[in-house]
């Protein structure tokens, strides 16, 4: 992954990110 700004995690190993350009 690249171009990312923030990260959060779920209960089963999921990763959620927002990009520096506001993408999800």
PDBML (XML) file of the C-alpha atoms, coordinates in Angstrom:
<?xml version="1.0" encoding="UTF-8" ?>
<PDBx:datablock datablockName="MODEL"
   xmlns:PDBx="http://pdbml.pdb.org/schema/pdbx-v50.xsd"
   xmlns:xsi="http://www.w3.org/2001/XMLSchema-instance"
   xsi:schemaLocation="http://pdbml.pdb.org/schema/pdbx-v50.xsd pdbx-v50.xsd">
   <PDBx:atom_siteCategory>
      <PDBx:atom_site id="1">
         <PDBx:B_iso_or_equiv>0.00</PDBx:B_iso_or_equiv>
         <PDBx:Cartn_x>0.000</PDBx:Cartn_x>
         <PDBx:Cartn_y>0.000</PDBx:Cartn_y>
         <PDBx:Cartn_z>0.000</PDBx:Cartn_z>
         <PDBx:auth_asym_id>A</PDBx:auth_asym_id>
         <PDBx:auth_atom_id>CA</PDBx:auth_atom_id>
         <PDBx:auth_comp_id>UNK</PDBx:auth_comp_id>
         <PDBx:auth_seq_id>1</PDBx:auth_seq_id>
         <PDBx:group_PDB>ATOM</PDBx:group_PDB>
         <PDBx:label_alt_id xsi:nil="true" />
         <PDBx:label_asym_id>A</PDBx:label_asym_id>
         <PDBx:label_atom_id>CA</PDBx:label_atom_id>
         <PDBx:label_comp_id>UNK</PDBx:label_comp_id>
         <PDBx:label_entity_id>1</PDBx:label_entity_id>
         <PDBx:label_seq_id>1</PDBx:label_seq_id>
         <PDBx:occupancy>1.00</PDBx:occupancy>
         <PDBx:pdbx_PDB_model_num>1</PDBx:pdbx_PDB_model_num>
         <PDBx:type_symbol>C</PDBx:type_symbol>
      </PDBx:atom_site>
      <PDBx:atom_site id="2">
         <PDBx:B_iso_or_equiv>0.00</PDBx:B_iso_or_equiv>
         <PDBx:Cartn_x>1.154</PDBx:Cartn_x>
         <PDBx:Cartn_y>3.538</PDBx:Cartn_y>
         <PDBx:Cartn_z>-0.746</PDBx:Cartn_z>
         <PDBx:auth_asym_id>A</PDBx:auth_asym_id>
         <PDBx:auth_atom_id>CA</PDBx:auth_atom_id>
         <PDBx:auth_comp_id>UNK</PDBx:auth_comp_id>
         <PDBx:auth_seq_id>2</PDBx:auth_seq_id>
         <PDBx:group_PDB>ATOM</PDBx:group_PDB>
         <PDBx:label_alt_id xsi:nil="true" />
         <PDBx:label_asym_id>A</PDBx:label_asym_id>
         <PDBx:label_atom_id>CA</PDBx:label_atom_id>
         <PDBx:label_comp_id>UNK</PDBx:label_comp_id>
         <PDBx:label_entity_id>1</PDBx:label_entity_id>
         <PDBx:label_seq_id>2</PDBx:label_seq_id>
         <PDBx:occupancy>1.00</PDBx:occupancy>
         <PDBx:pdbx_PDB_model_num>1</PDBx:pdbx_PDB_model_num>
         <PDBx:type_symbol>C</PDBx:type_symbol>
      </PDBx:atom_site>
      <PDBx:atom_site id="3">
         <PDBx:B_iso_or_equiv>0.00</PDBx:B_iso_or_equiv>
         <PDBx:Cartn_x>-0.244</PDBx:Cartn_x>
         <PDBx:Cartn_y>7.058</PDBx:Cartn_y>
         <PDBx:Cartn_z>-0.743</PDBx:Cartn_z>
         <PDBx:auth_asym_id>A</PDBx:auth_asym_id>
         <PDBx:auth_atom_id>CA</PDBx:auth_atom_id>
         <PDBx:auth_comp_id>UNK</PDBx:auth_comp_id>
         <PDBx:auth_seq_id>3</PDBx:auth_seq_id>
         <PDBx:group_PDB>ATOM</PDBx:group_PDB>
         <PDBx:label_alt_id xsi:nil="true" />
         <PDBx:label_asym_id>A</PDBx:label_asym_id>
         <PDBx:label_atom_id>CA</PDBx:label_atom_id>
         <PDBx:label_comp_id>UNK</PDBx:label_comp_id>
         <PDBx:label_entity_id>1</PDBx:label_entity_id>
         <PDBx:label_seq_id>3</PDBx:label_seq_id>
         <PDBx:occupancy>1.00</PDBx:occupancy>
         <PDBx:pdbx_PDB_model_num>1</PDBx:pdbx_PDB_model_num>
         <PDBx:type_symbol>C</PDBx:type_symbol>
      </PDBx:atom_site>
      <PDBx:atom_site id="4">
         <PDBx:B_iso_or_equiv>0.00</PDBx:B_iso_or_equiv>
         <PDBx:Cartn_x>-2.030</PDBx:Cartn_x>
         <PDBx:Cartn_y>6.494</PDBx:Cartn_y>
         <PDBx:Cartn_z>2.575</PDBx:Cartn_z>
         <PDBx:auth_asym_id>A</PDBx:auth_asym_id>
         <PDBx:auth_atom_id>CA</PDBx:auth_atom_id>
         <PDBx:auth_comp_id>UNK</PDBx:auth_comp_id>
         <PDBx:auth_seq_id>4</PDBx:auth_seq_id>
         <PDBx:group_PDB>ATOM</PDBx:group_PDB>
         <PDBx:label_alt_id xsi:nil="true" />
         <PDBx:label_asym_id>A</PDBx:label_asym_id>
         <PDBx:label_atom_id>CA</PDBx:label_atom_id>
         <PDBx:label_comp_id>UNK</PDBx:label_comp_id>
         <PDBx:label_entity_id>1</PDBx:label_entity_id>
         <PDBx:label_seq_id>4</PDBx:label_seq_id>
         <PDBx:occupancy>1.00</PDBx:occupancy>
         <PDBx:pdbx_PDB_model_num>1</PDBx:pdbx_PDB_model_num>
         <PDBx:type_symbol>C</PDBx:type_symbol>
      </PDBx:atom_site>
      <PDBx:atom_site id="5">
         <PDBx:B_iso_or_equiv>0.00</PDBx:B_iso_or_equiv>
         <PDBx:Cartn_x>-2.894</PDBx:Cartn_x>
         <PDBx:Cartn_y>8.967</PDBx:Cartn_y>
         <PDBx:Cartn_z>5.343</PDBx:Cartn_z>
         <PDBx:auth_asym_id>A</PDBx:auth_asym_id>
         <PDBx:auth_atom_id>CA</PDBx:auth_atom_id>
         <PDBx:auth_comp_id>UNK</PDBx:auth_comp_id>
         <PDBx:auth_seq_id>5</PDBx:auth_seq_id>
         <PDBx:group_PDB>ATOM</PDBx:group_PDB>
         <PDBx:label_alt_id xsi:nil="true" />
         <PDBx:label_asym_id>A</PDBx:label_asym_id>
         <PDBx:label_atom_id>CA</PDBx:label_atom_id>
         <PDBx:label_comp_id>UNK</PDBx:label_comp_id>
         <PDBx:label_entity_id>1</PDBx:label_entity_id>
         <PDBx:label_seq_id>5</PDBx:label_seq_id>
         <PDBx:occupancy>1.00</PDBx:occupancy>
         <PDBx:pdbx_PDB_model_num>1</PDBx:pdbx_PDB_model_num>
         <PDBx:type_symbol>C</PDBx:type_symbol>
      </PDBx:atom_site>
      <PDBx:atom_site id="6">
         <PDBx:B_iso_or_equiv>0.00</PDBx:B_iso_or_equiv>
         <PDBx:Cartn_x>-4.635</PDBx:Cartn_x>
         <PDBx:Cartn_y>7.010</PDBx:Cartn_y>
         <PDBx:Cartn_z>8.117</PDBx:Cartn_z>
         <PDBx:auth_asym_id>A</PDBx:auth_asym_id>
         <PDBx:auth_atom_id>CA</PDBx:auth_atom_id>
         <PDBx:auth_comp_id>UNK</PDBx:auth_comp_id>
         <PDBx:auth_seq_id>6</PDBx:auth_seq_id>
         <PDBx:group_PDB>ATOM</PDBx:group_PDB>
         <PDBx:label_alt_id xsi:nil="true" />
         <PDBx:label_asym_id>A</PDBx:label_asym_id>
         <PDBx:label_atom_id>CA</PDBx:label_atom_id>
         <PDBx:label_comp_id>UNK</PDBx:label_comp_id>
         <PDBx:label_entity_id>1</PDBx:label_entity_id>
         <PDBx:label_seq_id>6</PDBx:label_seq_id>
         <PDBx:occupancy>1.00</PDBx:occupancy>
         <PDBx:pdbx_PDB_model_num>1</PDBx:pdbx_PDB_model_num>
         <PDBx:type_symbol>C</PDBx:type_symbol>
      </PDBx:atom_site>
      <PDBx:atom_site id="7">
         <PDBx:B_iso_or_equiv>0.00</PDBx:B_iso_or_equiv>
         <PDBx:Cartn_x>-5.336</PDBx:Cartn_x>
         <PDBx:Cartn_y>3.400</PDBx:Cartn_y>
         <PDBx:Cartn_z>9.140</PDBx:Cartn_z>
         <PDBx:auth_asym_id>A</PDBx:auth_asym_id>
         <PDBx:auth_atom_id>CA</PDBx:auth_atom_id>
         <PDBx:auth_comp_id>UNK</PDBx:auth_comp_id>
         <PDBx:auth_seq_id>7</PDBx:auth_seq_id>
         <PDBx:group_PDB>ATOM</PDBx:group_PDB>
         <PDBx:label_alt_id xsi:nil="true" />
         <PDBx:label_asym_id>A</PDBx:label_asym_id>
         <PDBx:label_atom_id>CA</PDBx:label_atom_id>
         <PDBx:label_comp_id>UNK</PDBx:label_comp_id>
         <PDBx:label_entity_id>1</PDBx:label_entity_id>
         <PDBx:label_seq_id>7</PDBx:label_seq_id>
         <PDBx:occupancy>1.00</PDBx:occupancy>
         <PDBx:pdbx_PDB_model_num>1</PDBx:pdbx_PDB_model_num>
         <PDBx:type_symbol>C</PDBx:type_symbol>
      </PDBx:atom_site>
      <PDBx:atom_site id="8">
         <PDBx:B_iso_or_equiv>0.00</PDBx:B_iso_or_equiv>
         <PDBx:Cartn_x>-7.849</PDBx:Cartn_x>
         <PDBx:Cartn_y>1.493</PDBx:Cartn_y>
         <PDBx:Cartn_z>11.294</PDBx:Cartn_z>
         <PDBx:auth_asym_id>A</PDBx:auth_asym_id>
         <PDBx:auth_atom_id>CA</PDBx:auth_atom_id>
         <PDBx:auth_comp_id>UNK</PDBx:auth_comp_id>
         <PDBx:auth_seq_id>8</PDBx:auth_seq_id>
         <PDBx:group_PDB>ATOM</PDBx:group_PDB>
         <PDBx:label_alt_id xsi:nil="true" />
         <PDBx:label_asym_id>A</PDBx:label_asym_id>
         <PDBx:label_atom_id>CA</PDBx:label_atom_id>
         <PDBx:label_comp_id>UNK</PDBx:label_comp_id>
         <PDBx:label_entity_id>1</PDBx:label_entity_id>
         <PDBx:label_seq_id>8</PDBx:label_seq_id>
         <PDBx:occupancy>1.00</PDBx:occupancy>
         <PDBx:pdbx_PDB_model_num>1</PDBx:pdbx_PDB_model_num>
         <PDBx:type_symbol>C</PDBx:type_symbol>
      </PDBx:atom_site>
      <PDBx:atom_site id="9">
         <PDBx:B_iso_or_equiv>0.00</PDBx:B_iso_or_equiv>
         <PDBx:Cartn_x>-8.333</PDBx:Cartn_x>
         <PDBx:Cartn_y>-2.229</PDBx:Cartn_y>
         <PDBx:Cartn_z>11.913</PDBx:Cartn_z>
         <PDBx:auth_asym_id>A</PDBx:auth_asym_id>
         <PDBx:auth_atom_id>CA</PDBx:auth_atom_id>
         <PDBx:auth_comp_id>UNK</PDBx:auth_comp_id>
         <PDBx:auth_seq_id>9</PDBx:auth_seq_id>
         <PDBx:group_PDB>ATOM</PDBx:group_PDB>
         <PDBx:label_alt_id xsi:nil="true" />
         <PDBx:label_asym_id>A</PDBx:label_asym_id>
         <PDBx:label_atom_id>CA</PDBx:label_atom_id>
         <PDBx:label_comp_id>UNK</PDBx:label_comp_id>
         <PDBx:label_entity_id>1</PDBx:label_entity_id>
         <PDBx:label_seq_id>9</PDBx:label_seq_id>
         <PDBx:occupancy>1.00</PDBx:occupancy>
         <PDBx:pdbx_PDB_model_num>1</PDBx:pdbx_PDB_model_num>
         <PDBx:type_symbol>C</PDBx:type_symbol>
      </PDBx:atom_site>
      <PDBx:atom_site id="10">
         <PDBx:B_iso_or_equiv>0.00</PDBx:B_iso_or_equiv>
         <PDBx:Cartn_x>-11.262</PDBx:Cartn_x>
         <PDBx:Cartn_y>-4.624</PDBx:Cartn_y>
         <PDBx:Cartn_z>12.284</PDBx:Cartn_z>
         <PDBx:auth_asym_id>A</PDBx:auth_asym_id>
         <PDBx:auth_atom_id>CA</PDBx:auth_atom_id>
         <PDBx:auth_comp_id>UNK</PDBx:auth_comp_id>
         <PDBx:auth_seq_id>10</PDBx:auth_seq_id>
         <PDBx:group_PDB>ATOM</PDBx:group_PDB>
         <PDBx:label_alt_id xsi:nil="true" />
         <PDBx:label_asym_id>A</PDBx:label_asym_id>
         <PDBx:label_atom_id>CA</PDBx:label_atom_id>
         <PDBx:label_comp_id>UNK</PDBx:label_comp_id>
         <PDBx:label_entity_id>1</PDBx:label_entity_id>
         <PDBx:label_seq_id>10</PDBx:label_seq_id>
         <PDBx:occupancy>1.00</PDBx:occupancy>
         <PDBx:pdbx_PDB_model_num>1</PDBx:pdbx_PDB_model_num>
         <PDBx:type_symbol>C</PDBx:type_symbol>
      </PDBx:atom_site>
      <PDBx:atom_site id="11">
         <PDBx:B_iso_or_equiv>0.00</PDBx:B_iso_or_equiv>
         <PDBx:Cartn_x>-11.745</PDBx:Cartn_x>
         <PDBx:Cartn_y>-7.672</PDBx:Cartn_y>
         <PDBx:Cartn_z>14.482</PDBx:Cartn_z>
         <PDBx:auth_asym_id>A</PDBx:auth_asym_id>
         <PDBx:auth_atom_id>CA</PDBx:auth_atom_id>
         <PDBx:auth_comp_id>UNK</PDBx:auth_comp_id>
         <PDBx:auth_seq_id>11</PDBx:auth_seq_id>
         <PDBx:group_PDB>ATOM</PDBx:group_PDB>
         <PDBx:label_alt_id xsi:nil="true" />
         <PDBx:label_asym_id>A</PDBx:label_asym_id>
         <PDBx:label_atom_id>CA</PDBx:label_atom_id>
         <PDBx:label_comp_id>UNK</PDBx:label_comp_id>
         <PDBx:label_entity_id>1</PDBx:label_entity_id>
         <PDBx:label_seq_id>11</PDBx:label_seq_id>
         <PDBx:occupancy>1.00</PDBx:occupancy>
         <PDBx:pdbx_PDB_model_num>1</PDBx:pdbx_PDB_model_num>
         <PDBx:type_symbol>C</PDBx:type_symbol>
      </PDBx:atom_site>
      <PDBx:atom_site id="12">
         <PDBx:B_iso_or_equiv>0.00</PDBx:B_iso_or_equiv>
         <PDBx:Cartn_x>-10.697</PDBx:Cartn_x>
         <PDBx:Cartn_y>-10.275</PDBx:Cartn_y>
         <PDBx:Cartn_z>11.901</PDBx:Cartn_z>
         <PDBx:auth_asym_id>A</PDBx:auth_asym_id>
         <PDBx:auth_atom_id>CA</PDBx:auth_atom_id>
         <PDBx:auth_comp_id>UNK</PDBx:auth_comp_id>
         <PDBx:auth_seq_id>12</PDBx:auth_seq_id>
         <PDBx:group_PDB>ATOM</PDBx:group_PDB>
         <PDBx:label_alt_id xsi:nil="true" />
         <PDBx:label_asym_id>A</PDBx:label_asym_id>
         <PDBx:label_atom_id>CA</PDBx:label_atom_id>
         <PDBx:label_comp_id>UNK</PDBx:label_comp_id>
         <PDBx:label_entity_id>1</PDBx:label_entity_id>
         <PDBx:label_seq_id>12</PDBx:label_seq_id>
         <PDBx:occupancy>1.00</PDBx:occupancy>
         <PDBx:pdbx_PDB_model_num>1</PDBx:pdbx_PDB_model_num>
         <PDBx:type_symbol>C</PDBx:type_symbol>
      </PDBx:atom_site>
      <PDBx:atom_site id="13">
         <PDBx:B_iso_or_equiv>0.00</PDBx:B_iso_or_equiv>
         <PDBx:Cartn_x>-7.576</PDBx:Cartn_x>
         <PDBx:Cartn_y>-8.765</PDBx:Cartn_y>
         <PDBx:Cartn_z>10.426</PDBx:Cartn_z>
         <PDBx:auth_asym_id>A</PDBx:auth_asym_id>
         <PDBx:auth_atom_id>CA</PDBx:auth_atom_id>
         <PDBx:auth_comp_id>UNK</PDBx:auth_comp_id>
         <PDBx:auth_seq_id>13</PDBx:auth_seq_id>
         <PDBx:group_PDB>ATOM</PDBx:group_PDB>
         <PDBx:label_alt_id xsi:nil="true" />
         <PDBx:label_asym_id>A</PDBx:label_asym_id>
         <PDBx:label_atom_id>CA</PDBx:label_atom_id>
         <PDBx:label_comp_id>UNK</PDBx:label_comp_id>
         <PDBx:label_entity_id>1</PDBx:label_entity_id>
         <PDBx:label_seq_id>13</PDBx:label_seq_id>
         <PDBx:occupancy>1.00</PDBx:occupancy>
         <PDBx:pdbx_PDB_model_num>1</PDBx:pdbx_PDB_model_num>
         <PDBx:type_symbol>C</PDBx:type_symbol>
      </PDBx:atom_site>
      <PDBx:atom_site id="14">
         <PDBx:B_iso_or_equiv>0.00</PDBx:B_iso_or_equiv>
         <PDBx:Cartn_x>-9.319</PDBx:Cartn_x>
         <PDBx:Cartn_y>-6.283</PDBx:Cartn_y>
         <PDBx:Cartn_z>8.156</PDBx:Cartn_z>
         <PDBx:auth_asym_id>A</PDBx:auth_asym_id>
         <PDBx:auth_atom_id>CA</PDBx:auth_atom_id>
         <PDBx:auth_comp_id>UNK</PDBx:auth_comp_id>
         <PDBx:auth_seq_id>14</PDBx:auth_seq_id>
         <PDBx:group_PDB>ATOM</PDBx:group_PDB>
         <PDBx:label_alt_id xsi:nil="true" />
         <PDBx:label_asym_id>A</PDBx:label_asym_id>
         <PDBx:label_atom_id>CA</PDBx:label_atom_id>
         <PDBx:label_comp_id>UNK</PDBx:label_comp_id>
         <PDBx:label_entity_id>1</PDBx:label_entity_id>
         <PDBx:label_seq_id>14</PDBx:label_seq_id>
         <PDBx:occupancy>1.00</PDBx:occupancy>
         <PDBx:pdbx_PDB_model_num>1</PDBx:pdbx_PDB_model_num>
         <PDBx:type_symbol>C</PDBx:type_symbol>
      </PDBx:atom_site>
      <PDBx:atom_site id="15">
         <PDBx:B_iso_or_equiv>0.00</PDBx:B_iso_or_equiv>
         <PDBx:Cartn_x>-7.468</PDBx:Cartn_x>
         <PDBx:Cartn_y>-3.062</PDBx:Cartn_y>
         <PDBx:Cartn_z>7.423</PDBx:Cartn_z>
         <PDBx:auth_asym_id>A</PDBx:auth_asym_id>
         <PDBx:auth_atom_id>CA</PDBx:auth_atom_id>
         <PDBx:auth_comp_id>UNK</PDBx:auth_comp_id>
         <PDBx:auth_seq_id>15</PDBx:auth_seq_id>
         <PDBx:group_PDB>ATOM</PDBx:group_PDB>
         <PDBx:label_alt_id xsi:nil="true" />
         <PDBx:label_asym_id>A</PDBx:label_asym_id>
         <PDBx:label_atom_id>CA</PDBx:label_atom_id>
         <PDBx:label_comp_id>UNK</PDBx:label_comp_id>
         <PDBx:label_entity_id>1</PDBx:label_entity_id>
         <PDBx:label_seq_id>15</PDBx:label_seq_id>
         <PDBx:occupancy>1.00</PDBx:occupancy>
         <PDBx:pdbx_PDB_model_num>1</PDBx:pdbx_PDB_model_num>
         <PDBx:type_symbol>C</PDBx:type_symbol>
      </PDBx:atom_site>
      <PDBx:atom_site id="16">
         <PDBx:B_iso_or_equiv>0.00</PDBx:B_iso_or_equiv>
         <PDBx:Cartn_x>-9.253</PDBx:Cartn_x>
         <PDBx:Cartn_y>0.156</PDBx:Cartn_y>
         <PDBx:Cartn_z>6.510</PDBx:Cartn_z>
         <PDBx:auth_asym_id>A</PDBx:auth_asym_id>
         <PDBx:auth_atom_id>CA</PDBx:auth_atom_id>
         <PDBx:auth_comp_id>UNK</PDBx:auth_comp_id>
         <PDBx:auth_seq_id>16</PDBx:auth_seq_id>
         <PDBx:group_PDB>ATOM</PDBx:group_PDB>
         <PDBx:label_alt_id xsi:nil="true" />
         <PDBx:label_asym_id>A</PDBx:label_asym_id>
         <PDBx:label_atom_id>CA</PDBx:label_atom_id>
         <PDBx:label_comp_id>UNK</PDBx:label_comp_id>
         <PDBx:label_entity_id>1</PDBx:label_entity_id>
         <PDBx:label_seq_id>16</PDBx:label_seq_id>
         <PDBx:occupancy>1.00</PDBx:occupancy>
         <PDBx:pdbx_PDB_model_num>1</PDBx:pdbx_PDB_model_num>
         <PDBx:type_symbol>C</PDBx:type_symbol>
      </PDBx:atom_site>
      <PDBx:atom_site id="17">
         <PDBx:B_iso_or_equiv>0.00</PDBx:B_iso_or_equiv>
         <PDBx:Cartn_x>-7.324</PDBx:Cartn_x>
         <PDBx:Cartn_y>3.094</PDBx:Cartn_y>
         <PDBx:Cartn_z>5.078</PDBx:Cartn_z>
         <PDBx:auth_asym_id>A</PDBx:auth_asym_id>
         <PDBx:auth_atom_id>CA</PDBx:auth_atom_id>
         <PDBx:auth_comp_id>UNK</PDBx:auth_comp_id>
         <PDBx:auth_seq_id>17</PDBx:auth_seq_id>
         <PDBx:group_PDB>ATOM</PDBx:group_PDB>
         <PDBx:label_alt_id xsi:nil="true" />
         <PDBx:label_asym_id>A</PDBx:label_asym_id>
         <PDBx:label_atom_id>CA</PDBx:label_atom_id>
         <PDBx:label_comp_id>UNK</PDBx:label_comp_id>
         <PDBx:label_entity_id>1</PDBx:label_entity_id>
         <PDBx:label_seq_id>17</PDBx:label_seq_id>
         <PDBx:occupancy>1.00</PDBx:occupancy>
         <PDBx:pdbx_PDB_model_num>1</PDBx:pdbx_PDB_model_num>
         <PDBx:type_symbol>C</PDBx:type_symbol>
      </PDBx:atom_site>
      <PDBx:atom_site id="18">
         <PDBx:B_iso_or_equiv>0.00</PDBx:B_iso_or_equiv>
         <PDBx:Cartn_x>-7.838</PDBx:Cartn_x>
         <PDBx:Cartn_y>6.563</PDBx:Cartn_y>
         <PDBx:Cartn_z>3.712</PDBx:Cartn_z>
         <PDBx:auth_asym_id>A</PDBx:auth_asym_id>
         <PDBx:auth_atom_id>CA</PDBx:auth_atom_id>
         <PDBx:auth_comp_id>UNK</PDBx:auth_comp_id>
         <PDBx:auth_seq_id>18</PDBx:auth_seq_id>
         <PDBx:group_PDB>ATOM</PDBx:group_PDB>
         <PDBx:label_alt_id xsi:nil="true" />
         <PDBx:label_asym_id>A</PDBx:label_asym_id>
         <PDBx:label_atom_id>CA</PDBx:label_atom_id>
         <PDBx:label_comp_id>UNK</PDBx:label_comp_id>
         <PDBx:label_entity_id>1</PDBx:label_entity_id>
         <PDBx:label_seq_id>18</PDBx:label_seq_id>
         <PDBx:occupancy>1.00</PDBx:occupancy>
         <PDBx:pdbx_PDB_model_num>1</PDBx:pdbx_PDB_model_num>
         <PDBx:type_symbol>C</PDBx:type_symbol>
      </PDBx:atom_site>
      <PDBx:atom_site id="19">
         <PDBx:B_iso_or_equiv>0.00</PDBx:B_iso_or_equiv>
         <PDBx:Cartn_x>-5.457</PDBx:Cartn_x>
         <PDBx:Cartn_y>7.902</PDBx:Cartn_y>
         <PDBx:Cartn_z>1.119</PDBx:Cartn_z>
         <PDBx:auth_asym_id>A</PDBx:auth_asym_id>
         <PDBx:auth_atom_id>CA</PDBx:auth_atom_id>
         <PDBx:auth_comp_id>UNK</PDBx:auth_comp_id>
         <PDBx:auth_seq_id>19</PDBx:auth_seq_id>
         <PDBx:group_PDB>ATOM</PDBx:group_PDB>
         <PDBx:label_alt_id xsi:nil="true" />
         <PDBx:label_asym_id>A</PDBx:label_asym_id>
         <PDBx:label_atom_id>CA</PDBx:label_atom_id>
         <PDBx:label_comp_id>UNK</PDBx:label_comp_id>
         <PDBx:label_entity_id>1</PDBx:label_entity_id>
         <PDBx:label_seq_id>19</PDBx:label_seq_id>
         <PDBx:occupancy>1.00</PDBx:occupancy>
         <PDBx:pdbx_PDB_model_num>1</PDBx:pdbx_PDB_model_num>
         <PDBx:type_symbol>C</PDBx:type_symbol>
      </PDBx:atom_site>
      <PDBx:atom_site id="20">
         <PDBx:B_iso_or_equiv>0.00</PDBx:B_iso_or_equiv>
         <PDBx:Cartn_x>-3.730</PDBx:Cartn_x>
         <PDBx:Cartn_y>11.240</PDBx:Cartn_y>
         <PDBx:Cartn_z>1.056</PDBx:Cartn_z>
         <PDBx:auth_asym_id>A</PDBx:auth_asym_id>
         <PDBx:auth_atom_id>CA</PDBx:auth_atom_id>
         <PDBx:auth_comp_id>UNK</PDBx:auth_comp_id>
         <PDBx:auth_seq_id>20</PDBx:auth_seq_id>
         <PDBx:group_PDB>ATOM</PDBx:group_PDB>
         <PDBx:label_alt_id xsi:nil="true" />
         <PDBx:label_asym_id>A</PDBx:label_asym_id>
         <PDBx:label_atom_id>CA</PDBx:label_atom_id>
         <PDBx:label_comp_id>UNK</PDBx:label_comp_id>
         <PDBx:label_entity_id>1</PDBx:label_entity_id>
         <PDBx:label_seq_id>20</PDBx:label_seq_id>
         <PDBx:occupancy>1.00</PDBx:occupancy>
         <PDBx:pdbx_PDB_model_num>1</PDBx:pdbx_PDB_model_num>
         <PDBx:type_symbol>C</PDBx:type_symbol>
      </PDBx:atom_site>
      <PDBx:atom_site id="21">
         <PDBx:B_iso_or_equiv>0.00</PDBx:B_iso_or_equiv>
         <PDBx:Cartn_x>-6.134</PDBx:Cartn_x>
         <PDBx:Cartn_y>12.112</PDBx:Cartn_y>
         <PDBx:Cartn_z>-1.780</PDBx:Cartn_z>
         <PDBx:auth_asym_id>A</PDBx:auth_asym_id>
         <PDBx:auth_atom_id>CA</PDBx:auth_atom_id>
         <PDBx:auth_comp_id>UNK</PDBx:auth_comp_id>
         <PDBx:auth_seq_id>21</PDBx:auth_seq_id>
         <PDBx:group_PDB>ATOM</PDBx:group_PDB>
         <PDBx:label_alt_id xsi:nil="true" />
         <PDBx:label_asym_id>A</PDBx:label_asym_id>
         <PDBx:label_atom_id>CA</PDBx:label_atom_id>
         <PDBx:label_comp_id>UNK</PDBx:label_comp_id>
         <PDBx:label_entity_id>1</PDBx:label_entity_id>
         <PDBx:label_seq_id>21</PDBx:label_seq_id>
         <PDBx:occupancy>1.00</PDBx:occupancy>
         <PDBx:pdbx_PDB_model_num>1</PDBx:pdbx_PDB_model_num>
         <PDBx:type_symbol>C</PDBx:type_symbol>
      </PDBx:atom_site>
      <PDBx:atom_site id="22">
         <PDBx:B_iso_or_equiv>0.00</PDBx:B_iso_or_equiv>
         <PDBx:Cartn_x>-9.211</PDBx:Cartn_x>
         <PDBx:Cartn_y>11.233</PDBx:Cartn_y>
         <PDBx:Cartn_z>0.342</PDBx:Cartn_z>
         <PDBx:auth_asym_id>A</PDBx:auth_asym_id>
         <PDBx:auth_atom_id>CA</PDBx:auth_atom_id>
         <PDBx:auth_comp_id>UNK</PDBx:auth_comp_id>
         <PDBx:auth_seq_id>22</PDBx:auth_seq_id>
         <PDBx:group_PDB>ATOM</PDBx:group_PDB>
         <PDBx:label_alt_id xsi:nil="true" />
         <PDBx:label_asym_id>A</PDBx:label_asym_id>
         <PDBx:label_atom_id>CA</PDBx:label_atom_id>
         <PDBx:label_comp_id>UNK</PDBx:label_comp_id>
         <PDBx:label_entity_id>1</PDBx:label_entity_id>
         <PDBx:label_seq_id>22</PDBx:label_seq_id>
         <PDBx:occupancy>1.00</PDBx:occupancy>
         <PDBx:pdbx_PDB_model_num>1</PDBx:pdbx_PDB_model_num>
         <PDBx:type_symbol>C</PDBx:type_symbol>
      </PDBx:atom_site>
      <PDBx:atom_site id="23">
         <PDBx:B_iso_or_equiv>0.00</PDBx:B_iso_or_equiv>
         <PDBx:Cartn_x>-9.841</PDBx:Cartn_x>
         <PDBx:Cartn_y>7.808</PDBx:Cartn_y>
         <PDBx:Cartn_z>-1.197</PDBx:Cartn_z>
         <PDBx:auth_asym_id>A</PDBx:auth_asym_id>
         <PDBx:auth_atom_id>CA</PDBx:auth_atom_id>
         <PDBx:auth_comp_id>UNK</PDBx:auth_comp_id>
         <PDBx:auth_seq_id>23</PDBx:auth_seq_id>
         <PDBx:group_PDB>ATOM</PDBx:group_PDB>
         <PDBx:label_alt_id xsi:nil="true" />
         <PDBx:label_asym_id>A</PDBx:label_asym_id>
         <PDBx:label_atom_id>CA</PDBx:label_atom_id>
         <PDBx:label_comp_id>UNK</PDBx:label_comp_id>
         <PDBx:label_entity_id>1</PDBx:label_entity_id>
         <PDBx:label_seq_id>23</PDBx:label_seq_id>
         <PDBx:occupancy>1.00</PDBx:occupancy>
         <PDBx:pdbx_PDB_model_num>1</PDBx:pdbx_PDB_model_num>
         <PDBx:type_symbol>C</PDBx:type_symbol>
      </PDBx:atom_site>
      <PDBx:atom_site id="24">
         <PDBx:B_iso_or_equiv>0.00</PDBx:B_iso_or_equiv>
         <PDBx:Cartn_x>-11.015</PDBx:Cartn_x>
         <PDBx:Cartn_y>4.796</PDBx:Cartn_y>
         <PDBx:Cartn_z>0.846</PDBx:Cartn_z>
         <PDBx:auth_asym_id>A</PDBx:auth_asym_id>
         <PDBx:auth_atom_id>CA</PDBx:auth_atom_id>
         <PDBx:auth_comp_id>UNK</PDBx:auth_comp_id>
         <PDBx:auth_seq_id>24</PDBx:auth_seq_id>
         <PDBx:group_PDB>ATOM</PDBx:group_PDB>
         <PDBx:label_alt_id xsi:nil="true" />
         <PDBx:label_asym_id>A</PDBx:label_asym_id>
         <PDBx:label_atom_id>CA</PDBx:label_atom_id>
         <PDBx:label_comp_id>UNK</PDBx:label_comp_id>
         <PDBx:label_entity_id>1</PDBx:label_entity_id>
         <PDBx:label_seq_id>24</PDBx:label_seq_id>
         <PDBx:occupancy>1.00</PDBx:occupancy>
         <PDBx:pdbx_PDB_model_num>1</PDBx:pdbx_PDB_model_num>
         <PDBx:type_symbol>C</PDBx:type_symbol>
      </PDBx:atom_site>
   </PDBx:atom_siteCategory>
</PDBx:datablock>
